[in-house]
Amino acid sequence: MNKQMIWIFVFGLLLGCEDVIEVDVPTDSARLVVDALVRITDISQPTTTIQIRATLSSSFFGQVEPAILEEATITNELTASSESLREQDPGSGIYEVELDTRFLTEGKLTLSLVYNGQRFEASTQFVPTVPIDSLLQGEGGLFGGDETEVVVSFTDVPDRDDFYLFDFDFNEYLVTEDTFYPGQRFEFSYFYDDGLKAGKEIEIGIIGVDKPFYNYMNQVIVQADGGAQGPFQTPAATVKGNVVNSEDP
């Protein structure tokens, strides 16, 4: 979701010219990137398969490469039990394990990864969510273009602070918190910039998250959308999740 662009405009009046220039772009050493959003789609199921994806951050124009982990484990701190994640396809950087659903919903969880001799860890615990009450296609638009509107409604649970992440498919996300609608039914519209073709199926989900992850995703979404000043604004600070190098935080 990292969007960086260089635009070069050359205007000429009656006379135009063209030349080749060299543009210096940032070159940083590769960093480990871990996508480890664990979703429990049906808490009534006895087991749940979780998946993480490990990649290396690329140079400005480089391709994202998979990262081969030396170790990948998940531990339930309440029961002190651990399970290993296995790479499904050699060289893919995708690791999976099927777990008892109660392993994921009861107790603090710690994900531990070893890459290039260094250990990275992240901790979290299960956050419940609520079902979507209704999901309809609207007829509204934002700027008179071919946007597609979907109208979503859900009912917040009273007497607790809730943070939600909506997954609108196509790597499009939205976060919301219940500060202004505690315990109430809430309805809102979401617009897809590019009109969806008739018959196109989309999958929309609601995910319960904690406050730190809510803040993290809010920053990611703002930077991916270019922020309030558009894509030419000064880049914000690097957005980091909760996977940290335990030996050099």
C-alpha atoms as a PDB file:
ATOM      1  CA  MET A   1       0.000   0.000   0.000  1.00  0.00           C
ATOM      2  CA  ASN A   2       3.054   2.219  -0.306  1.00  0.00           C
ATOM      3  CA  LYS A   3       2.425   4.616  -3.146  1.00  0.00           C
ATOM      4  CA  GLN A   4       5.320   6.805  -4.258  1.00  0.00           C
ATOM      5  CA  MET A   5       5.365   8.684  -7.531  1.00  0.00           C
ATOM      6  CA  ILE A   6       7.718  11.015  -9.337  1.00  0.00           C
ATOM      7  CA  TRP A   7       6.047  13.348 -11.813  1.00  0.00           C
ATOM      8  CA  ILE A   8       8.052  15.403 -14.278  1.00  0.00           C
ATOM      9  CA  PHE A   9       6.134  17.950 -16.332  1.00  0.00           C
ATOM     10  CA  VAL A  10       7.755  19.728 -19.276  1.00  0.00           C
ATOM     11  CA  PHE A  11       5.711  22.434 -21.002  1.00  0.00           C
ATOM     12  CA  GLY A  12       6.792  23.954 -24.304  1.00  0.00           C
ATOM     13  CA  LEU A  13       5.374  26.728 -26.456  1.00  0.00           C
ATOM     14  CA  LEU A  14       5.861  26.094 -30.193  1.00  0.00           C
ATOM     15  CA  LEU A  15       9.174  24.447 -29.408  1.00  0.00           C
ATOM     16  CA  GLY A  16       9.581  21.263 -27.396  1.00  0.00           C
ATOM     17  CA  CYS A  17      12.637  19.342 -26.326  1.00  0.00           C
ATOM     18  CA  GLU A  18      13.302  15.913 -24.901  1.00  0.00           C
ATOM     19  CA  ASP A  19      16.254  14.666 -22.949  1.00  0.00           C
ATOM     20  CA  VAL A  20      17.152  11.746 -20.744  1.00  0.00           C
ATOM     21  CA  ILE A  21      17.886  12.504 -17.117  1.00  0.00           C
ATOM     22  CA  GLU A  22      18.981  10.367 -14.221  1.00  0.00           C
ATOM     23  CA  VAL A  23      16.890  10.536 -11.074  1.00  0.00           C
ATOM     24  CA  ASP A  24      18.404   9.462  -7.785  1.00  0.00           C
ATOM     25  CA  VAL A  25      15.887   7.514  -5.743  1.00  0.00           C
ATOM     26  CA  PRO A  26      16.090   6.274  -2.166  1.00  0.00           C
ATOM     27  CA  THR A  27      17.969   3.016  -1.680  1.00  0.00           C
ATOM     28  CA  ASP A  28      17.560   1.435   1.736  1.00  0.00           C
ATOM     29  CA  SER A  29      18.690  -1.947   2.933  1.00  0.00           C
ATOM     30  CA  ALA A  30      15.948  -4.562   2.756  1.00  0.00           C
ATOM     31  CA  ARG A  31      13.760  -4.885   5.836  1.00  0.00           C
ATOM     32  CA  LEU A  32      11.563  -7.719   6.987  1.00  0.00           C
ATOM     33  CA  VAL A  33       7.853  -7.099   6.400  1.00  0.00           C
ATOM     34  CA  VAL A  34       5.338  -9.382   8.117  1.00  0.00           C
ATOM     35  CA  ASP A  35       1.645  -9.575   7.258  1.00  0.00           C
ATOM     36  CA  ALA A  36       0.137 -11.501  10.159  1.00  0.00           C
ATOM     37  CA  LEU A  37      -3.478 -10.401  10.457  1.00  0.00           C
ATOM     38  CA  VAL A  38      -5.196 -13.403  12.055  1.00  0.00           C
ATOM     39  CA  ARG A  39      -8.897 -13.706  11.241  1.00  0.00           C
ATOM     40  CA  ILE A  40     -11.358 -16.032  12.923  1.00  0.00           C
ATOM     41  CA  THR A  41     -14.305 -16.042  10.554  1.00  0.00           C
ATOM     42  CA  ASP A  42     -16.416 -18.495  12.561  1.00  0.00           C
ATOM     43  CA  ILE A  43     -15.733 -18.829  16.272  1.00  0.00           C
ATOM     44  CA  SER A  44     -17.988 -21.889  16.467  1.00  0.00           C
ATOM     45  CA  GLN A  45     -15.591 -23.932  14.321  1.00  0.00           C
ATOM     46  CA  PRO A  46     -13.287 -26.238  16.315  1.00  0.00           C
ATOM     47  CA  THR A  47     -10.165 -25.301  14.338  1.00  0.00           C
ATOM     48  CA  THR A  48      -8.869 -22.242  12.509  1.00  0.00           C
ATOM     49  CA  THR A  49      -6.062 -22.014   9.954  1.00  0.00           C
ATOM     50  CA  ILE A  50      -3.868 -18.954  10.315  1.00  0.00           C
ATOM     51  CA  GLN A  51      -1.451 -17.635   7.719  1.00  0.00           C
ATOM     52  CA  ILE A  52       1.390 -15.138   7.789  1.00  0.00           C
ATOM     53  CA  ARG A  53       3.317 -13.708   4.856  1.00  0.00           C
ATOM     54  CA  ALA A  54       6.951 -12.674   5.221  1.00  0.00           C
ATOM     55  CA  THR A  55       8.570 -10.465   2.584  1.00  0.00           C
ATOM     56  CA  LEU A  56      11.511  -8.118   2.210  1.00  0.00           C
ATOM     57  CA  SER A  57      10.991  -4.435   1.540  1.00  0.00           C
ATOM     58  CA  SER A  58      12.290  -3.535  -1.897  1.00  0.00           C
ATOM     59  CA  SER A  59      14.145  -0.601  -3.365  1.00  0.00           C
ATOM     60  CA  PHE A  60      12.192   2.227  -4.974  1.00  0.00           C
ATOM     61  CA  PHE A  61      11.471   0.354  -8.200  1.00  0.00           C
ATOM     62  CA  GLY A  62      12.338  -3.153  -7.044  1.00  0.00           C
ATOM     63  CA  GLN A  63      10.077  -6.133  -6.652  1.00  0.00           C
ATOM     64  CA  VAL A  64       8.909  -7.460  -3.304  1.00  0.00           C
ATOM     65  CA  GLU A  65      10.739 -10.680  -2.517  1.00  0.00           C
ATOM     66  CA  PRO A  66       9.602 -13.447  -0.134  1.00  0.00           C
ATOM     67  CA  ALA A  67      11.549 -13.825   3.102  1.00  0.00           C
ATOM     68  CA  ILE A  68      12.594 -17.309   4.159  1.00  0.00           C
ATOM     69  CA  LEU A  69      12.228 -17.640   7.930  1.00  0.00           C
ATOM     70  CA  GLU A  70      14.422 -19.879  10.025  1.00  0.00           C
ATOM     71  CA  GLU A  71      11.671 -20.245  12.619  1.00  0.00           C
ATOM     72  CA  ALA A  72       8.007 -19.283  12.996  1.00  0.00           C
ATOM     73  CA  THR A  73       6.056 -20.149  16.141  1.00  0.00           C
ATOM     74  CA  ILE A  74       2.928 -18.932  17.919  1.00  0.00           C
ATOM     75  CA  THR A  75       2.596 -19.308  21.695  1.00  0.00           C
ATOM     76  CA  ASN A  76      -0.428 -19.096  23.967  1.00  0.00           C
ATOM     77  CA  GLU A  77       0.954 -17.483  27.124  1.00  0.00           C
ATOM     78  CA  LEU A  78      -1.985 -18.702  29.244  1.00  0.00           C
ATOM     79  CA  THR A  79      -1.367 -22.374  28.536  1.00  0.00           C
ATOM     80  CA  ALA A  80       2.362 -22.039  27.726  1.00  0.00           C
ATOM     81  CA  SER A  81       1.819 -24.115  24.588  1.00  0.00           C
ATOM     82  CA  SER A  82       3.465 -23.382  21.239  1.00  0.00           C
ATOM     83  CA  GLU A  83       2.835 -24.402  17.647  1.00  0.00           C
ATOM     84  CA  SER A  84       5.082 -24.060  14.598  1.00  0.00           C
ATOM     85  CA  LEU A  85       4.038 -22.529  11.291  1.00  0.00           C
ATOM     86  CA  ARG A  86       5.266 -24.290   8.158  1.00  0.00           C
ATOM     87  CA  GLU A  87       6.025 -22.808   4.763  1.00  0.00           C
ATOM     88  CA  GLN A  88       3.379 -24.177   2.397  1.00  0.00           C
ATOM     89  CA  ASP A  89       5.297 -23.796  -0.863  1.00  0.00           C
ATOM     90  CA  PRO A  90       9.102 -23.644  -0.713  1.00  0.00           C
ATOM     91  CA  GLY A  91      10.307 -20.114  -1.352  1.00  0.00           C
ATOM     92  CA  SER A  92       6.833 -18.544  -1.089  1.00  0.00           C
ATOM     93  CA  GLY A  93       7.312 -16.798   2.253  1.00  0.00           C
ATOM     94  CA  ILE A  94       3.800 -17.936   3.265  1.00  0.00           C
ATOM     95  CA  TYR A  95       3.539 -19.886   6.517  1.00  0.00           C
ATOM     96  CA  GLU A  96       0.461 -21.643   7.900  1.00  0.00           C
ATOM     97  CA  VAL A  97      -0.747 -23.743  10.807  1.00  0.00           C
ATOM     98  CA  GLU A  98      -4.137 -25.155  11.792  1.00  0.00           C
ATOM     99  CA  LEU A  99      -4.951 -24.490  15.444  1.00  0.00           C
ATOM    100  CA  ASP A 100      -7.678 -25.218  17.948  1.00  0.00           C
ATOM    101  CA  THR A 101      -9.864 -22.106  17.862  1.00  0.00           C
ATOM    102  CA  ARG A 102      -9.753 -21.889  21.663  1.00  0.00           C
ATOM    103  CA  PHE A 103      -5.957 -21.621  21.389  1.00  0.00           C
ATOM    104  CA  LEU A 104      -6.522 -18.322  19.567  1.00  0.00           C
ATOM    105  CA  THR A 105      -9.395 -16.912  21.634  1.00  0.00           C
ATOM    106  CA  GLU A 106      -8.271 -17.616  25.202  1.00  0.00           C
ATOM    107  CA  GLY A 107      -5.104 -15.972  26.466  1.00  0.00           C
ATOM    108  CA  LYS A 108      -2.357 -13.702  25.174  1.00  0.00           C
ATOM    109  CA  LEU A 109      -0.678 -14.794  21.941  1.00  0.00           C
ATOM    110  CA  THR A 110       2.959 -14.237  20.988  1.00  0.00           C
ATOM    111  CA  LEU A 111       4.242 -14.666  17.439  1.00  0.00           C
ATOM    112  CA  SER A 112       7.975 -15.356  17.255  1.00  0.00           C
ATOM    113  CA  LEU A 113       9.947 -15.270  14.002  1.00  0.00           C
ATOM    114  CA  VAL A 114      13.627 -15.779  13.306  1.00  0.00           C
ATOM    115  CA  TYR A 115      15.106 -14.255  10.156  1.00  0.00           C
ATOM    116  CA  ASN A 116      18.795 -13.945   9.336  1.00  0.00           C
ATOM    117  CA  GLY A 117      19.693 -14.927  12.885  1.00  0.00           C
ATOM    118  CA  GLN A 118      17.525 -12.224  14.463  1.00  0.00           C
ATOM    119  CA  ARG A 119      14.344 -12.791  16.444  1.00  0.00           C
ATOM    120  CA  PHE A 120      11.207 -10.744  15.860  1.00  0.00           C
ATOM    121  CA  GLU A 121       8.172 -10.896  18.137  1.00  0.00           C
ATOM    122  CA  ALA A 122       4.637  -9.558  18.340  1.00  0.00           C
ATOM    123  CA  SER A 123       1.963 -10.007  21.003  1.00  0.00           C
ATOM    124  CA  THR A 124      -1.802  -9.647  20.873  1.00  0.00           C
ATOM    125  CA  GLN A 125      -5.007 -11.248  22.057  1.00  0.00           C
ATOM    126  CA  PHE A 126      -8.386 -12.078  20.590  1.00  0.00           C
ATOM    127  CA  VAL A 127     -10.708  -9.109  19.985  1.00  0.00           C
ATOM    128  CA  PRO A 128     -14.395  -9.901  19.376  1.00  0.00           C
ATOM    129  CA  THR A 129     -16.513  -8.120  16.790  1.00  0.00           C
ATOM    130  CA  VAL A 130     -20.178  -7.861  15.800  1.00  0.00           C
ATOM    131  CA  PRO A 131     -21.977  -9.103  12.677  1.00  0.00           C
ATOM    132  CA  ILE A 132     -22.922  -6.874   9.767  1.00  0.00           C
ATOM    133  CA  ASP A 133     -26.674  -6.204  10.000  1.00  0.00           C
ATOM    134  CA  SER A 134     -27.208  -5.253   6.372  1.00  0.00           C
ATOM    135  CA  LEU A 135     -25.195  -4.668   3.220  1.00  0.00           C
ATOM    136  CA  LEU A 136     -26.841  -2.950   0.258  1.00  0.00           C
ATOM    137  CA  GLN A 137     -25.766  -1.352  -2.992  1.00  0.00           C
ATOM    138  CA  GLY A 138     -26.628   2.346  -3.004  1.00  0.00           C
ATOM    139  CA  GLU A 139     -27.233   4.738  -5.850  1.00  0.00           C
ATOM    140  CA  GLY A 140     -25.208   7.687  -4.609  1.00  0.00           C
ATOM    141  CA  GLY A 141     -21.939   9.099  -5.872  1.00  0.00           C
ATOM    142  CA  LEU A 142     -19.221  11.441  -4.708  1.00  0.00           C
ATOM    143  CA  PHE A 143     -18.073  13.469  -7.687  1.00  0.00           C
ATOM    144  CA  GLY A 144     -20.470  12.522 -10.428  1.00  0.00           C
ATOM    145  CA  GLY A 145     -18.184   9.777 -11.691  1.00  0.00           C
ATOM    146  CA  ASP A 146     -18.673   6.040 -11.890  1.00  0.00           C
ATOM    147  CA  GLU A 147     -18.208   5.337  -8.179  1.00  0.00           C
ATOM    148  CA  THR A 148     -20.113   2.421  -6.693  1.00  0.00           C
ATOM    149  CA  GLU A 149     -21.775   2.951  -3.312  1.00  0.00           C
ATOM    150  CA  VAL A 150     -22.311   0.253  -0.716  1.00  0.00           C
ATOM    151  CA  VAL A 151     -24.334   0.949   2.431  1.00  0.00           C
ATOM    152  CA  VAL A 152     -23.227  -0.931   5.539  1.00  0.00           C
ATOM    153  CA  SER A 153     -24.956  -1.126   8.911  1.00  0.00           C
ATOM    154  CA  PHE A 154     -24.050  -2.875  12.158  1.00  0.00           C
ATOM    155  CA  THR A 155     -24.969  -2.638  15.840  1.00  0.00           C
ATOM    156  CA  ASP A 156     -22.297  -1.832  18.406  1.00  0.00           C
ATOM    157  CA  VAL A 157     -22.114  -3.692  21.718  1.00  0.00           C
ATOM    158  CA  PRO A 158     -22.839  -1.441  24.737  1.00  0.00           C
ATOM    159  CA  ASP A 159     -20.590  -1.010  27.777  1.00  0.00           C
ATOM    160  CA  ARG A 160     -17.277  -1.657  26.047  1.00  0.00           C
ATOM    161  CA  ASP A 161     -14.899   0.291  23.802  1.00  0.00           C
ATOM    162  CA  ASP A 162     -14.861  -1.176  20.312  1.00  0.00           C
ATOM    163  CA  PHE A 163     -12.566  -0.580  17.349  1.00  0.00           C
ATOM    164  CA  TYR A 164     -13.431  -1.978  13.931  1.00  0.00           C
ATOM    165  CA  LEU A 165     -11.547  -2.627  10.703  1.00  0.00           C
ATOM    166  CA  PHE A 166     -13.667  -3.047   7.576  1.00  0.00           C
ATOM    167  CA  ASP A 167     -12.197  -5.025   4.695  1.00  0.00           C
ATOM    168  CA  PHE A 168     -13.837  -3.930   1.434  1.00  0.00           C
ATOM    169  CA  ASP A 169     -11.860  -6.325  -0.762  1.00  0.00           C
ATOM    170  CA  PHE A 170      -9.290  -5.183  -3.364  1.00  0.00           C
ATOM    171  CA  ASN A 171      -6.950  -4.132  -0.500  1.00  0.00           C
ATOM    172  CA  GLU A 172      -9.362  -1.359   0.491  1.00  0.00           C
ATOM    173  CA  TYR A 173      -9.892  -0.796   4.206  1.00  0.00           C
ATOM    174  CA  LEU A 174     -11.692   1.547   6.592  1.00  0.00           C
ATOM    175  CA  VAL A 175     -11.420   1.949  10.363  1.00  0.00           C
ATOM    176  CA  THR A 176     -14.025   3.240  12.785  1.00  0.00           C
ATOM    177  CA  GLU A 177     -14.497   3.384  16.562  1.00  0.00           C
ATOM    178  CA  ASP A 178     -17.687   3.509  18.614  1.00  0.00           C
ATOM    179  CA  THR A 179     -17.006   6.831  20.371  1.00  0.00           C
ATOM    180  CA  PHE A 180     -20.031   8.499  18.761  1.00  0.00           C
ATOM    181  CA  TYR A 181     -22.369   5.491  18.536  1.00  0.00           C
ATOM    182  CA  PRO A 182     -21.809   3.324  21.649  1.00  0.00           C
ATOM    183  CA  GLY A 183     -24.343   0.517  21.796  1.00  0.00           C
ATOM    184  CA  GLN A 184     -26.233   1.882  18.801  1.00  0.00           C
ATOM    185  CA  ARG A 185     -26.961   0.830  15.250  1.00  0.00           C
ATOM    186  CA  PHE A 186     -24.607   2.632  12.875  1.00  0.00           C
ATOM    187  CA  GLU A 187     -24.940   3.002   9.106  1.00  0.00           C
ATOM    188  CA  PHE A 188     -22.477   4.475   6.620  1.00  0.00           C
ATOM    189  CA  SER A 189     -21.655   4.516   2.922  1.00  0.00           C
ATOM    190  CA  TYR A 190     -18.432   3.406   1.276  1.00  0.00           C
ATOM    191  CA  PHE A 191     -17.561   4.287  -2.308  1.00  0.00           C
ATOM    192  CA  TYR A 192     -15.401   2.315  -4.718  1.00  0.00           C
ATOM    193  CA  ASP A 193     -13.568   4.815  -6.932  1.00  0.00           C
ATOM    194  CA  ASP A 194     -13.710   2.584  -9.989  1.00  0.00           C
ATOM    195  CA  GLY A 195     -17.220   1.481 -10.812  1.00  0.00           C
ATOM    196  CA  LEU A 196     -17.769  -2.233 -10.355  1.00  0.00           C
ATOM    197  CA  LYS A 197     -19.075  -4.216 -13.286  1.00  0.00           C
ATOM    198  CA  ALA A 198     -22.527  -5.773 -13.054  1.00  0.00           C
ATOM    199  CA  GLY A 199     -22.349  -9.260 -11.585  1.00  0.00           C
ATOM    200  CA  LYS A 200     -18.998  -8.623  -9.886  1.00  0.00           C
ATOM    201  CA  GLU A 201     -18.844 -10.363  -6.517  1.00  0.00           C
ATOM    202  CA  ILE A 202     -17.095  -8.632  -3.625  1.00  0.00           C
ATOM    203  CA  GLU A 203     -16.407  -9.828  -0.104  1.00  0.00           C
ATOM    204  CA  ILE A 204     -16.811  -7.355   2.749  1.00  0.00           C
ATOM    205  CA  GLY A 205     -15.848  -8.187   6.321  1.00  0.00           C
ATOM    206  CA  ILE A 206     -15.812  -6.558   9.758  1.00  0.00           C
ATOM    207  CA  ILE A 207     -12.874  -7.287  12.059  1.00  0.00           C
ATOM    208  CA  GLY A 208     -12.517  -6.460  15.741  1.00  0.00           C
ATOM    209  CA  VAL A 209      -9.163  -4.841  16.549  1.00  0.00           C
ATOM    210  CA  ASP A 210      -7.488  -3.245  19.551  1.00  0.00           C
ATOM    211  CA  LYS A 211      -6.662   0.457  19.798  1.00  0.00           C
ATOM    212  CA  PRO A 212      -2.956   0.209  18.803  1.00  0.00           C
ATOM    213  CA  PHE A 213      -3.843  -1.718  15.636  1.00  0.00           C
ATOM    214  CA  TYR A 214      -6.670   0.729  14.927  1.00  0.00           C
ATOM    215  CA  ASN A 215      -4.186   3.619  15.097  1.00  0.00           C
ATOM    216  CA  TYR A 216      -1.696   1.714  12.937  1.00  0.00           C
ATOM    217  CA  MET A 217      -4.227   0.944  10.208  1.00  0.00           C
ATOM    218  CA  ASN A 218      -5.502   4.513  10.294  1.00  0.00           C
ATOM    219  CA  GLN A 219      -1.987   5.757   9.490  1.00  0.00           C
ATOM    220  CA  VAL A 220      -1.539   3.144   6.766  1.00  0.00           C
ATOM    221  CA  ILE A 221      -4.830   4.123   5.104  1.00  0.00           C
ATOM    222  CA  VAL A 222      -4.024   7.844   5.253  1.00  0.00           C
ATOM    223  CA  GLN A 223      -0.597   7.337   3.680  1.00  0.00           C
ATOM    224  CA  ALA A 224      -1.939   4.970   1.030  1.00  0.00           C
ATOM    225  CA  ASP A 225      -4.594   7.497   0.027  1.00  0.00           C
ATOM    226  CA  GLY A 226      -2.056  10.304  -0.195  1.00  0.00           C
ATOM    227  CA  GLY A 227      -3.309  12.088   2.900  1.00  0.00           C
ATOM    228  CA  ALA A 228      -5.226  15.328   3.020  1.00  0.00           C
ATOM    229  CA  GLN A 229      -2.664  17.114   0.833  1.00  0.00           C
ATOM    230  CA  GLY A 230      -2.645  14.558  -1.936  1.00  0.00           C
ATOM    231  CA  PRO A 231       0.204  12.363  -3.181  1.00  0.00           C
ATOM    232  CA  PHE A 232       2.688  15.260  -3.334  1.00  0.00           C
ATOM    233  CA  GLN A 233       2.693  15.932   0.404  1.00  0.00           C
ATOM    234  CA  THR A 234       5.839  15.418   2.464  1.00  0.00           C
ATOM    235  CA  PRO A 235       5.946  11.724   3.402  1.00  0.00           C
ATOM    236  CA  ALA A 236       4.972  10.976   6.980  1.00  0.00           C
ATOM    237  CA  ALA A 237       7.153   8.989   9.335  1.00  0.00           C
ATOM    238  CA  THR A 238       7.588   5.309   8.628  1.00  0.00           C
ATOM    239  CA  VAL A 239       4.549   3.374   9.811  1.00  0.00           C
ATOM    240  CA  LYS A 240       5.494   0.416  11.968  1.00  0.00           C
ATOM    241  CA  GLY A 241       3.323  -2.376  13.278  1.00  0.00           C
ATOM    242  CA  ASN A 242       3.810  -4.412  16.437  1.00  0.00           C
ATOM    243  CA  VAL A 243       6.373  -6.880  15.059  1.00  0.00           C
ATOM    244  CA  VAL A 244       9.653  -5.754  16.632  1.00  0.00           C
ATOM    245  CA  ASN A 245      13.220  -6.973  16.704  1.00  0.00           C
ATOM    246  CA  SER A 246      13.444  -8.338  20.244  1.00  0.00           C
ATOM    247  CA  GLU A 247      17.236  -8.042  20.243  1.00  0.00           C
ATOM    248  CA  ASP A 248      17.396  -4.520  18.789  1.00  0.00           C
ATOM    249  CA  PRO A 249      14.001  -2.794  19.292  1.00  0.00           C
END
